[in-house]
C-alpha atoms as a PDB file:
ATOM      1  CA  ASP A   1     -23.104 -22.755-200.460  1.00  0.00           C
ATOM      2  CA  ALA A   2     -23.991 -23.635-204.032  1.00  0.00           C
ATOM      3  CA  GLY A   3     -20.339 -23.777-205.086  1.00  0.00           C
ATOM      4  CA  VAL A   4     -20.844 -21.489-208.091  1.00  0.00           C
ATOM      5  CA  HIS A   5     -18.589 -18.527-207.307  1.00  0.00           C
ATOM      6  CA  GLY A   6     -15.324 -18.454-209.204  1.00  0.00           C
ATOM      7  CA  LYS A   7     -16.396 -21.287-211.523  1.00  0.00           C
ATOM      8  CA  ALA A   8     -15.737 -20.799-215.240  1.00  0.00           C
ATOM      9  CA  TRP A   9     -19.299 -21.842-216.090  1.00  0.00           C
ATOM     10  CA  TYR A  10     -20.984 -19.382-213.731  1.00  0.00           C
ATOM     11  CA  ALA A  11     -22.099 -16.163-215.431  1.00  0.00           C
ATOM     12  CA  ALA A  12     -22.878 -14.028-212.412  1.00  0.00           C
ATOM     13  CA  THR A  13     -24.039 -10.874-214.192  1.00  0.00           C
ATOM     14  CA  CYS A  14     -25.781 -12.496-217.114  1.00  0.00           C
ATOM     15  CA  ASP A  15     -29.509 -12.339-217.859  1.00  0.00           C
ATOM     16  CA  ARG A  16     -31.556 -14.805-219.901  1.00  0.00           C
ATOM     17  CA  LYS A  17     -31.131 -12.985-223.216  1.00  0.00           C
ATOM     18  CA  MET A  18     -27.352 -12.583-222.813  1.00  0.00           C
ATOM     19  CA  ALA A  19     -27.040 -16.272-221.935  1.00  0.00           C
ATOM     20  CA  GLU A  20     -29.129 -17.393-224.892  1.00  0.00           C
ATOM     21  CA  ASP A  21     -27.221 -15.125-227.300  1.00  0.00           C
ATOM     22  CA  ALA A  22     -23.874 -16.455-226.063  1.00  0.00           C
ATOM     23  CA  LEU A  23     -25.014 -20.064-226.495  1.00  0.00           C
ATOM     24  CA  TYR A  24     -26.406 -19.452-229.991  1.00  0.00           C
ATOM     25  CA  ARG A  25     -23.041 -17.918-230.921  1.00  0.00           C
ATOM     26  CA  SER A  26     -21.213 -20.990-229.590  1.00  0.00           C
ATOM     27  CA  ASN A  27     -23.441 -23.196-231.764  1.00  0.00           C
ATOM     28  CA  LYS A  28     -22.049 -26.405-230.217  1.00  0.00           C
ATOM     29  CA  ASP A  29     -24.242 -29.157-228.795  1.00  0.00           C
ATOM     30  CA  GLY A  30     -23.547 -29.465-225.099  1.00  0.00           C
ATOM     31  CA  SER A  31     -22.493 -25.829-224.627  1.00  0.00           C
ATOM     32  CA  PHE A  32     -23.702 -24.543-221.278  1.00  0.00           C
ATOM     33  CA  LEU A  33     -23.491 -21.985-218.516  1.00  0.00           C
ATOM     34  CA  ILE A  34     -25.241 -21.293-215.244  1.00  0.00           C
ATOM     35  CA  ARG A  35     -26.831 -17.927-214.521  1.00  0.00           C
ATOM     36  CA  LYS A  36     -28.903 -16.458-211.731  1.00  0.00           C
ATOM     37  CA  SER A  37     -32.596 -17.104-212.272  1.00  0.00           C
ATOM     38  CA  SER A  38     -34.634 -14.163-213.509  1.00  0.00           C
ATOM     39  CA  GLY A  39     -36.973 -14.258-210.533  1.00  0.00           C
ATOM     40  CA  GLN A  40     -34.167 -14.439-207.965  1.00  0.00           C
ATOM     41  CA  ASP A  41     -36.332 -16.744-205.871  1.00  0.00           C
ATOM     42  CA  LEU A  42     -34.693 -18.560-202.968  1.00  0.00           C
ATOM     43  CA  ARG A  43     -36.374 -21.769-204.076  1.00  0.00           C
ATOM     44  CA  GLN A  44     -35.028 -21.429-207.602  1.00  0.00           C
ATOM     45  CA  PRO A  45     -31.799 -19.448-207.357  1.00  0.00           C
ATOM     46  CA  TYR A  46     -30.094 -20.518-210.597  1.00  0.00           C
ATOM     47  CA  THR A  47     -30.783 -21.616-214.141  1.00  0.00           C
ATOM     48  CA  LEU A  48     -28.763 -24.088-216.196  1.00  0.00           C
ATOM     49  CA  VAL A  49     -28.700 -22.909-219.822  1.00  0.00           C
ATOM     50  CA  VAL A  50     -27.841 -25.594-222.400  1.00  0.00           C
ATOM     51  CA  PHE A  51     -27.497 -25.496-226.188  1.00  0.00           C
ATOM     52  CA  TYR A  52     -28.524 -28.588-228.133  1.00  0.00           C
ATOM     53  CA  ASN A  53     -29.784 -29.200-231.667  1.00  0.00           C
ATOM     54  CA  ARG A  54     -29.970 -25.465-232.527  1.00  0.00           C
ATOM     55  CA  ARG A  55     -32.065 -24.770-229.405  1.00  0.00           C
ATOM     56  CA  VAL A  56     -31.386 -23.203-226.037  1.00  0.00           C
ATOM     57  CA  TYR A  57     -32.891 -24.816-222.959  1.00  0.00           C
ATOM     58  CA  ASN A  58     -33.292 -22.908-219.677  1.00  0.00           C
ATOM     59  CA  ILE A  59     -33.511 -25.461-216.870  1.00  0.00           C
ATOM     60  CA  PRO A  60     -34.368 -24.184-213.405  1.00  0.00           C
ATOM     61  CA  ILE A  61     -32.145 -25.273-210.531  1.00  0.00           C
ATOM     62  CA  ARG A  62     -34.236 -25.649-207.399  1.00  0.00           C
ATOM     63  CA  PHE A  63     -33.054 -25.341-203.828  1.00  0.00           C
ATOM     64  CA  ILE A  64     -34.728 -27.876-201.544  1.00  0.00           C
ATOM     65  CA  GLU A  65     -34.959 -26.240-198.132  1.00  0.00           C
ATOM     66  CA  SER A  66     -35.698 -29.423-196.157  1.00  0.00           C
ATOM     67  CA  THR A  67     -32.517 -31.221-197.270  1.00  0.00           C
ATOM     68  CA  ARG A  68     -30.395 -28.131-198.208  1.00  0.00           C
ATOM     69  CA  GLN A  69     -29.849 -29.715-201.631  1.00  0.00           C
ATOM     70  CA  TYR A  70     -30.307 -28.759-205.293  1.00  0.00           C
ATOM     71  CA  ALA A  71     -32.257 -30.423-208.096  1.00  0.00           C
ATOM     72  CA  LEU A  72     -33.026 -29.678-211.752  1.00  0.00           C
ATOM     73  CA  GLY A  73     -36.391 -28.794-213.267  1.00  0.00           C
ATOM     74  CA  ARG A  74     -39.784 -29.407-211.741  1.00  0.00           C
ATOM     75  CA  GLU A  75     -40.086 -31.555-208.659  1.00  0.00           C
ATOM     76  CA  LYS A  76     -40.572 -35.244-209.460  1.00  0.00           C
ATOM     77  CA  SER A  77     -40.410 -38.475-207.528  1.00  0.00           C
ATOM     78  CA  GLY A  78     -37.034 -40.173-207.500  1.00  0.00           C
ATOM     79  CA  GLU A  79     -35.280 -37.065-208.743  1.00  0.00           C
ATOM     80  CA  GLU A  80     -31.536 -36.681-208.402  1.00  0.00           C
ATOM     81  CA  ARG A  81     -30.501 -34.299-205.652  1.00  0.00           C
ATOM     82  CA  PHE A  82     -27.101 -32.704-205.207  1.00  0.00           C
ATOM     83  CA  ASP A  83     -25.303 -30.965-202.361  1.00  0.00           C
ATOM     84  CA  SER A  84     -24.174 -28.095-204.612  1.00  0.00           C
ATOM     85  CA  VAL A  85     -24.718 -26.635-208.067  1.00  0.00           C
ATOM     86  CA  ALA A  86     -21.090 -27.562-208.826  1.00  0.00           C
ATOM     87  CA  GLU A  87     -22.047 -31.239-208.227  1.00  0.00           C
ATOM     88  CA  ILE A  88     -24.873 -30.948-210.761  1.00  0.00           C
ATOM     89  CA  VAL A  89     -22.408 -29.677-213.381  1.00  0.00           C
ATOM     90  CA  GLU A  90     -19.802 -32.347-212.574  1.00  0.00           C
ATOM     91  CA  ASN A  91     -22.444 -35.085-212.707  1.00  0.00           C
ATOM     92  CA  HIS A  92     -23.819 -33.994-216.076  1.00  0.00           C
ATOM     93  CA  GLN A  93     -20.347 -33.669-217.575  1.00  0.00           C
ATOM     94  CA  ARG A  94     -20.202 -37.459-217.077  1.00  0.00           C
ATOM     95  CA  THR A  95     -23.837 -38.504-217.541  1.00  0.00           C
ATOM     96  CA  SER A  96     -26.409 -37.215-219.998  1.00  0.00           C
ATOM     97  CA  LEU A  97     -28.929 -34.585-219.047  1.00  0.00           C
ATOM     98  CA  VAL A  98     -32.468 -35.034-220.364  1.00  0.00           C
ATOM     99  CA  LEU A  99     -33.721 -31.962-222.223  1.00  0.00           C
ATOM    100  CA  ILE A 100     -37.495 -31.644-222.447  1.00  0.00           C
ATOM    101  CA  ASP A 101     -39.028 -29.403-225.076  1.00  0.00           C
ATOM    102  CA  SER A 102     -42.299 -28.343-223.467  1.00  0.00           C
ATOM    103  CA  GLN A 103     -43.697 -26.959-226.730  1.00  0.00           C
ATOM    104  CA  ASN A 104     -43.255 -30.089-228.831  1.00  0.00           C
ATOM    105  CA  ASN A 105     -43.152 -32.493-225.889  1.00  0.00           C
ATOM    106  CA  THR A 106     -39.967 -34.078-227.234  1.00  0.00           C
ATOM    107  CA  LYS A 107     -36.979 -35.306-225.284  1.00  0.00           C
ATOM    108  CA  ASP A 108     -33.306 -35.105-226.131  1.00  0.00           C
ATOM    109  CA  SER A 109     -30.226 -35.616-224.050  1.00  0.00           C
ATOM    110  CA  THR A 110     -26.689 -34.299-223.990  1.00  0.00           C
ATOM    111  CA  LYS A 111     -23.776 -34.034-221.638  1.00  0.00           C
ATOM    112  CA  LEU A 112     -22.470 -30.662-220.499  1.00  0.00           C
ATOM    113  CA  LYS A 113     -19.408 -30.377-222.733  1.00  0.00           C
ATOM    114  CA  TYR A 114     -18.393 -26.796-223.491  1.00  0.00           C
ATOM    115  CA  ILE A 115     -18.327 -23.924-221.045  1.00  0.00           C
ATOM    116  CA  VAL A 116     -19.576 -20.730-222.646  1.00  0.00           C
ATOM    117  CA  ARG A 117     -18.315 -17.418-221.351  1.00  0.00           C
ATOM    118  CA  VAL A 118     -20.513 -14.386-221.728  1.00  0.00           C
ATOM    119  CA  SER A 119     -18.556 -11.437-223.011  1.00  0.00           C
END
């Protein structure tokens, strides 16, 4: 179990556009929520949506079948793996999350600070 149900940061019925609109309205660096991924793929069930520096980042959350764990973004060596999506959120409320802008190839980082609710 990913540990998302009943969590304040989980927007169960929210699509990408609704999530992005809600985060732009919040306009606070470190605002975030988790939504179901658009593709609803078992290997990428959720997306972490983060607002930072007037931008919204959609970061895929992957499910790793072999270890039954979760990880963020594309697969990389030495990546952090977590037993639940809730653990990812708790971890990045304490430690910074690296945000990669694929268009400009720039990196930023922020902690997950403000839970955004989608109305």
